[in-house]
Amino acid sequence: MLRSTRISRRPATYYFAWRMNAELKEIRGTNLESLTKLKIHLIYLFLMNVEVTSRVQLRKAFDFLNSLTETEFRCRNRLSTQAFRFLCNELKEKTTLRRSRRISLENKVLCALLFFAIGSYQRSVGMRKYLSQTTVSKYVAEVTNALTCLEVLNRHIHFPITIQERNQIKLK
């Protein structure tokens, strides 16, 4: 039995189509000459196959810290940008967590925070950040190990030991 050929629809193809559609919507109502120039430009882009396919390029295309407002960033990551920067600096200073060739320390921490915040599967977190499931697993483990480093824990987490300390907490 013959199988029909399947056309794969990659996320980059959707992005390219979305960008073309956005450019067409932007110039509706203008003169015929500019519309013709745009069509030629879009045909050129299509023929040159200018589309973002690499996960690295997709990650670099969107800068989370500078392109999102404070409320959007807080809704997505359950943390303010100021607290996020403090956390990244703290992890950079106190632990061995570092950036790799392909991804920054900030993106590693964002990936782990997203996993902690939504409690979803690693694959869905990876799709949002353009990472594979195994990479998400590796980054979550790295960030978790960095957060549970004794130097970081002792500085920010203190459990009451004496009865007086426990009573003070109960009063709050």
C-alpha atoms as a PDB file:
ATOM      1  CA  MET A   1       0.000   0.000   0.000  1.00  0.00           C
ATOM      2  CA  LEU A   2       1.343   3.414  -0.937  1.00  0.00           C
ATOM      3  CA  ARG A   3       1.538   6.104   1.669  1.00  0.00           C
ATOM      4  CA  SER A   4       0.832   9.690   0.842  1.00  0.00           C
ATOM      5  CA  THR A   5       3.695  12.098   1.291  1.00  0.00           C
ATOM      6  CA  ARG A   6       3.503  14.319   4.320  1.00  0.00           C
ATOM      7  CA  ILE A   7       4.477  17.942   4.308  1.00  0.00           C
ATOM      8  CA  SER A   8       6.215  18.846   7.520  1.00  0.00           C
ATOM      9  CA  ARG A   9       5.152  22.124   9.059  1.00  0.00           C
ATOM     10  CA  ARG A  10       8.008  23.380  11.173  1.00  0.00           C
ATOM     11  CA  PRO A  11       7.556  26.282  13.604  1.00  0.00           C
ATOM     12  CA  ALA A  12       9.932  28.318  11.461  1.00  0.00           C
ATOM     13  CA  THR A  13       7.630  27.909   8.456  1.00  0.00           C
ATOM     14  CA  TYR A  14       4.734  29.261  10.484  1.00  0.00           C
ATOM     15  CA  TYR A  15       6.897  32.165  11.642  1.00  0.00           C
ATOM     16  CA  PHE A  16       7.861  32.973   8.050  1.00  0.00           C
ATOM     17  CA  ALA A  17       4.211  32.884   6.928  1.00  0.00           C
ATOM     18  CA  TRP A  18       3.189  35.040   9.895  1.00  0.00           C
ATOM     19  CA  ARG A  19       5.887  37.601   9.059  1.00  0.00           C
ATOM     20  CA  MET A  20       4.788  37.759   5.420  1.00  0.00           C
ATOM     21  CA  ASN A  21       1.163  38.219   6.454  1.00  0.00           C
ATOM     22  CA  ALA A  22       2.095  40.942   8.949  1.00  0.00           C
ATOM     23  CA  GLU A  23       4.012  42.869   6.297  1.00  0.00           C
ATOM     24  CA  LEU A  24       1.075  42.650   3.897  1.00  0.00           C
ATOM     25  CA  LYS A  25      -1.370  43.873   6.543  1.00  0.00           C
ATOM     26  CA  GLU A  26       0.934  46.750   7.397  1.00  0.00           C
ATOM     27  CA  ILE A  27       0.825  48.339   3.967  1.00  0.00           C
ATOM     28  CA  ARG A  28      -2.806  47.769   2.988  1.00  0.00           C
ATOM     29  CA  GLY A  29      -4.317  50.900   1.619  1.00  0.00           C
ATOM     30  CA  THR A  30      -1.086  52.248   0.164  1.00  0.00           C
ATOM     31  CA  ASN A  31      -0.327  52.830  -3.474  1.00  0.00           C
ATOM     32  CA  LEU A  32       0.244  50.107  -6.064  1.00  0.00           C
ATOM     33  CA  GLU A  33       3.974  50.799  -6.415  1.00  0.00           C
ATOM     34  CA  SER A  34       4.771  50.079  -2.764  1.00  0.00           C
ATOM     35  CA  LEU A  35       2.569  46.982  -2.858  1.00  0.00           C
ATOM     36  CA  THR A  36       4.502  45.711  -5.887  1.00  0.00           C
ATOM     37  CA  LYS A  37       7.802  46.384  -4.124  1.00  0.00           C
ATOM     38  CA  LEU A  38       6.600  44.444  -1.105  1.00  0.00           C
ATOM     39  CA  LYS A  39       5.487  41.505  -3.230  1.00  0.00           C
ATOM     40  CA  ILE A  40       8.900  41.434  -4.911  1.00  0.00           C
ATOM     41  CA  HIS A  41      10.572  41.593  -1.503  1.00  0.00           C
ATOM     42  CA  LEU A  42       8.416  38.741  -0.189  1.00  0.00           C
ATOM     43  CA  ILE A  43       9.132  36.616  -3.256  1.00  0.00           C
ATOM     44  CA  TYR A  44      12.839  37.298  -2.776  1.00  0.00           C
ATOM     45  CA  LEU A  45      12.626  36.235   0.867  1.00  0.00           C
ATOM     46  CA  PHE A  46      10.764  33.097  -0.090  1.00  0.00           C
ATOM     47  CA  LEU A  47      13.230  32.202  -2.850  1.00  0.00           C
ATOM     48  CA  MET A  48      16.204  32.856  -0.594  1.00  0.00           C
ATOM     49  CA  ASN A  49      14.444  30.707   2.022  1.00  0.00           C
ATOM     50  CA  VAL A  50      15.106  33.264   4.721  1.00  0.00           C
ATOM     51  CA  GLU A  51      13.448  31.599   7.642  1.00  0.00           C
ATOM     52  CA  VAL A  52      14.546  30.953  11.147  1.00  0.00           C
ATOM     53  CA  THR A  53      15.051  27.219  11.606  1.00  0.00           C
ATOM     54  CA  SER A  54      17.797  26.930  14.174  1.00  0.00           C
ATOM     55  CA  ARG A  55      16.733  26.801  17.810  1.00  0.00           C
ATOM     56  CA  VAL A  56      19.670  29.033  18.678  1.00  0.00           C
ATOM     57  CA  GLN A  57      18.448  31.707  16.253  1.00  0.00           C
ATOM     58  CA  LEU A  58      14.911  31.437  17.595  1.00  0.00           C
ATOM     59  CA  ARG A  59      16.141  31.886  21.186  1.00  0.00           C
ATOM     60  CA  LYS A  60      18.257  34.901  20.221  1.00  0.00           C
ATOM     61  CA  ALA A  61      15.383  36.504  18.321  1.00  0.00           C
ATOM     62  CA  PHE A  62      13.394  37.216  21.486  1.00  0.00           C
ATOM     63  CA  ASP A  63      15.015  38.932  24.457  1.00  0.00           C
ATOM     64  CA  PHE A  64      12.778  38.260  27.463  1.00  0.00           C
ATOM     65  CA  LEU A  65      14.249  40.862  29.779  1.00  0.00           C
ATOM     66  CA  ASN A  66      14.054  43.835  27.431  1.00  0.00           C
ATOM     67  CA  SER A  67      11.018  43.053  25.294  1.00  0.00           C
ATOM     68  CA  LEU A  68       8.454  42.197  27.984  1.00  0.00           C
ATOM     69  CA  THR A  69       6.873  44.651  30.367  1.00  0.00           C
ATOM     70  CA  GLU A  70       7.279  44.105  34.099  1.00  0.00           C
ATOM     71  CA  THR A  71       3.754  42.705  34.499  1.00  0.00           C
ATOM     72  CA  GLU A  72       4.105  40.357  31.512  1.00  0.00           C
ATOM     73  CA  PHE A  73       7.440  39.095  32.820  1.00  0.00           C
ATOM     74  CA  ARG A  74       5.963  38.547  36.276  1.00  0.00           C
ATOM     75  CA  CYS A  75       2.949  36.684  34.862  1.00  0.00           C
ATOM     76  CA  ARG A  76       5.131  34.385  32.757  1.00  0.00           C
ATOM     77  CA  ASN A  77       7.857  33.634  35.289  1.00  0.00           C
ATOM     78  CA  ARG A  78       6.257  34.342  38.693  1.00  0.00           C
ATOM     79  CA  LEU A  79       9.172  36.643  39.517  1.00  0.00           C
ATOM     80  CA  SER A  80       9.915  40.337  38.947  1.00  0.00           C
ATOM     81  CA  THR A  81      12.761  41.333  36.639  1.00  0.00           C
ATOM     82  CA  GLN A  82      14.648  42.857  39.555  1.00  0.00           C
ATOM     83  CA  ALA A  83      14.366  39.640  41.593  1.00  0.00           C
ATOM     84  CA  PHE A  84      15.310  37.623  38.513  1.00  0.00           C
ATOM     85  CA  ARG A  85      18.463  39.681  37.939  1.00  0.00           C
ATOM     86  CA  PHE A  86      19.347  39.359  41.633  1.00  0.00           C
ATOM     87  CA  LEU A  87      18.889  35.582  41.446  1.00  0.00           C
ATOM     88  CA  CYS A  88      21.079  35.309  38.329  1.00  0.00           C
ATOM     89  CA  ASN A  89      23.832  37.438  39.891  1.00  0.00           C
ATOM     90  CA  GLU A  90      23.645  35.434  43.104  1.00  0.00           C
ATOM     91  CA  LEU A  91      23.946  32.141  41.233  1.00  0.00           C
ATOM     92  CA  LYS A  92      26.786  33.505  39.128  1.00  0.00           C
ATOM     93  CA  GLU A  93      28.768  34.615  42.186  1.00  0.00           C
ATOM     94  CA  LYS A  94      28.099  31.789  44.613  1.00  0.00           C
ATOM     95  CA  THR A  95      27.827  28.676  42.430  1.00  0.00           C
ATOM     96  CA  THR A  96      29.436  26.969  39.472  1.00  0.00           C
ATOM     97  CA  LEU A  97      26.428  27.640  37.233  1.00  0.00           C
ATOM     98  CA  ARG A  98      27.698  29.350  34.072  1.00  0.00           C
ATOM     99  CA  ARG A  99      26.552  30.104  30.570  1.00  0.00           C
ATOM    100  CA  SER A 100      27.300  27.642  27.803  1.00  0.00           C
ATOM    101  CA  ARG A 101      28.248  28.324  24.222  1.00  0.00           C
ATOM    102  CA  ARG A 102      24.655  28.187  23.044  1.00  0.00           C
ATOM    103  CA  ILE A 103      22.585  29.550  25.903  1.00  0.00           C
ATOM    104  CA  SER A 104      23.064  32.256  28.487  1.00  0.00           C
ATOM    105  CA  LEU A 105      22.835  31.756  32.227  1.00  0.00           C
ATOM    106  CA  GLU A 106      19.702  33.912  32.253  1.00  0.00           C
ATOM    107  CA  ASN A 107      17.957  31.638  29.744  1.00  0.00           C
ATOM    108  CA  LYS A 108      18.924  28.570  31.774  1.00  0.00           C
ATOM    109  CA  VAL A 109      17.399  30.124  34.886  1.00  0.00           C
ATOM    110  CA  LEU A 110      14.299  31.240  32.947  1.00  0.00           C
ATOM    111  CA  CYS A 111      13.840  27.721  31.626  1.00  0.00           C
ATOM    112  CA  ALA A 112      14.041  26.233  35.119  1.00  0.00           C
ATOM    113  CA  LEU A 113      11.769  28.928  36.589  1.00  0.00           C
ATOM    114  CA  LEU A 114       9.171  28.252  33.914  1.00  0.00           C
ATOM    115  CA  PHE A 115       9.307  24.544  34.721  1.00  0.00           C
ATOM    116  CA  PHE A 116       8.948  25.262  38.454  1.00  0.00           C
ATOM    117  CA  ALA A 117       6.176  27.830  37.884  1.00  0.00           C
ATOM    118  CA  ILE A 118       3.846  25.878  35.626  1.00  0.00           C
ATOM    119  CA  GLY A 119       4.682  22.370  36.791  1.00  0.00           C
ATOM    120  CA  SER A 120       4.190  21.040  33.296  1.00  0.00           C
ATOM    121  CA  TYR A 121       6.137  18.461  31.359  1.00  0.00           C
ATOM    122  CA  GLN A 122       9.666  19.293  30.290  1.00  0.00           C
ATOM    123  CA  ARG A 123       8.745  18.868  26.624  1.00  0.00           C
ATOM    124  CA  SER A 124       6.151  21.655  26.743  1.00  0.00           C
ATOM    125  CA  VAL A 125       8.597  23.925  28.582  1.00  0.00           C
ATOM    126  CA  GLY A 126      11.197  23.142  25.933  1.00  0.00           C
ATOM    127  CA  MET A 127       8.811  23.997  23.122  1.00  0.00           C
ATOM    128  CA  ARG A 128       8.214  27.422  24.653  1.00  0.00           C
ATOM    129  CA  LYS A 129      11.943  28.070  24.976  1.00  0.00           C
ATOM    130  CA  TYR A 130      12.986  26.294  21.731  1.00  0.00           C
ATOM    131  CA  LEU A 131      14.870  23.589  23.630  1.00  0.00           C
ATOM    132  CA  SER A 132      14.685  19.817  23.535  1.00  0.00           C
ATOM    133  CA  GLN A 133      13.290  17.860  26.474  1.00  0.00           C
ATOM    134  CA  THR A 134      16.707  16.476  27.379  1.00  0.00           C
ATOM    135  CA  THR A 135      18.202  19.965  27.386  1.00  0.00           C
ATOM    136  CA  VAL A 136      15.411  21.246  29.631  1.00  0.00           C
ATOM    137  CA  SER A 137      16.044  18.330  31.984  1.00  0.00           C
ATOM    138  CA  LYS A 138      19.753  19.157  32.093  1.00  0.00           C
ATOM    139  CA  TYR A 139      19.169  22.881  32.747  1.00  0.00           C
ATOM    140  CA  VAL A 140      16.546  22.228  35.442  1.00  0.00           C
ATOM    141  CA  ALA A 141      18.996  19.903  37.198  1.00  0.00           C
ATOM    142  CA  GLU A 142      21.827  22.471  36.917  1.00  0.00           C
ATOM    143  CA  VAL A 143      19.715  25.331  38.290  1.00  0.00           C
ATOM    144  CA  THR A 144      18.244  23.144  41.045  1.00  0.00           C
ATOM    145  CA  ASN A 145      21.721  22.066  42.135  1.00  0.00           C
ATOM    146  CA  ALA A 146      22.845  25.695  42.103  1.00  0.00           C
ATOM    147  CA  LEU A 147      19.840  26.789  44.184  1.00  0.00           C
ATOM    148  CA  THR A 148      20.449  24.042  46.730  1.00  0.00           C
ATOM    149  CA  CYS A 149      24.104  24.967  47.156  1.00  0.00           C
ATOM    150  CA  LEU A 150      24.810  25.382  50.879  1.00  0.00           C
ATOM    151  CA  GLU A 151      26.168  28.899  50.491  1.00  0.00           C
ATOM    152  CA  VAL A 152      22.974  30.076  48.774  1.00  0.00           C
ATOM    153  CA  LEU A 153      20.686  28.148  51.120  1.00  0.00           C
ATOM    154  CA  ASN A 154      22.320  29.366  54.324  1.00  0.00           C
ATOM    155  CA  ARG A 155      22.166  32.963  53.177  1.00  0.00           C
ATOM    156  CA  HIS A 156      18.469  33.031  52.226  1.00  0.00           C
ATOM    157  CA  ILE A 157      16.746  30.249  54.169  1.00  0.00           C
ATOM    158  CA  HIS A 158      16.735  30.153  57.932  1.00  0.00           C
ATOM    159  CA  PHE A 159      14.686  27.699  59.966  1.00  0.00           C
ATOM    160  CA  PRO A 160      13.863  28.596  63.566  1.00  0.00           C
ATOM    161  CA  ILE A 161      15.768  26.460  66.047  1.00  0.00           C
ATOM    162  CA  THR A 162      14.865  27.837  69.454  1.00  0.00           C
ATOM    163  CA  ILE A 163      11.394  28.130  70.949  1.00  0.00           C
ATOM    164  CA  GLN A 164      11.682  31.939  71.030  1.00  0.00           C
ATOM    165  CA  GLU A 165      12.333  32.072  67.269  1.00  0.00           C
ATOM    166  CA  ARG A 166       9.328  29.823  66.612  1.00  0.00           C
ATOM    167  CA  ASN A 167       7.086  31.995  68.782  1.00  0.00           C
ATOM    168  CA  GLN A 168       8.222  35.146  66.976  1.00  0.00           C
ATOM    169  CA  ILE A 169       7.255  33.573  63.661  1.00  0.00           C
ATOM    170  CA  LYS A 170       3.858  32.507  65.032  1.00  0.00           C
ATOM    171  CA  LEU A 171       3.166  36.105  66.097  1.00  0.00           C
ATOM    172  CA  LYS A 172       3.808  37.385  62.582  1.00  0.00           C
END
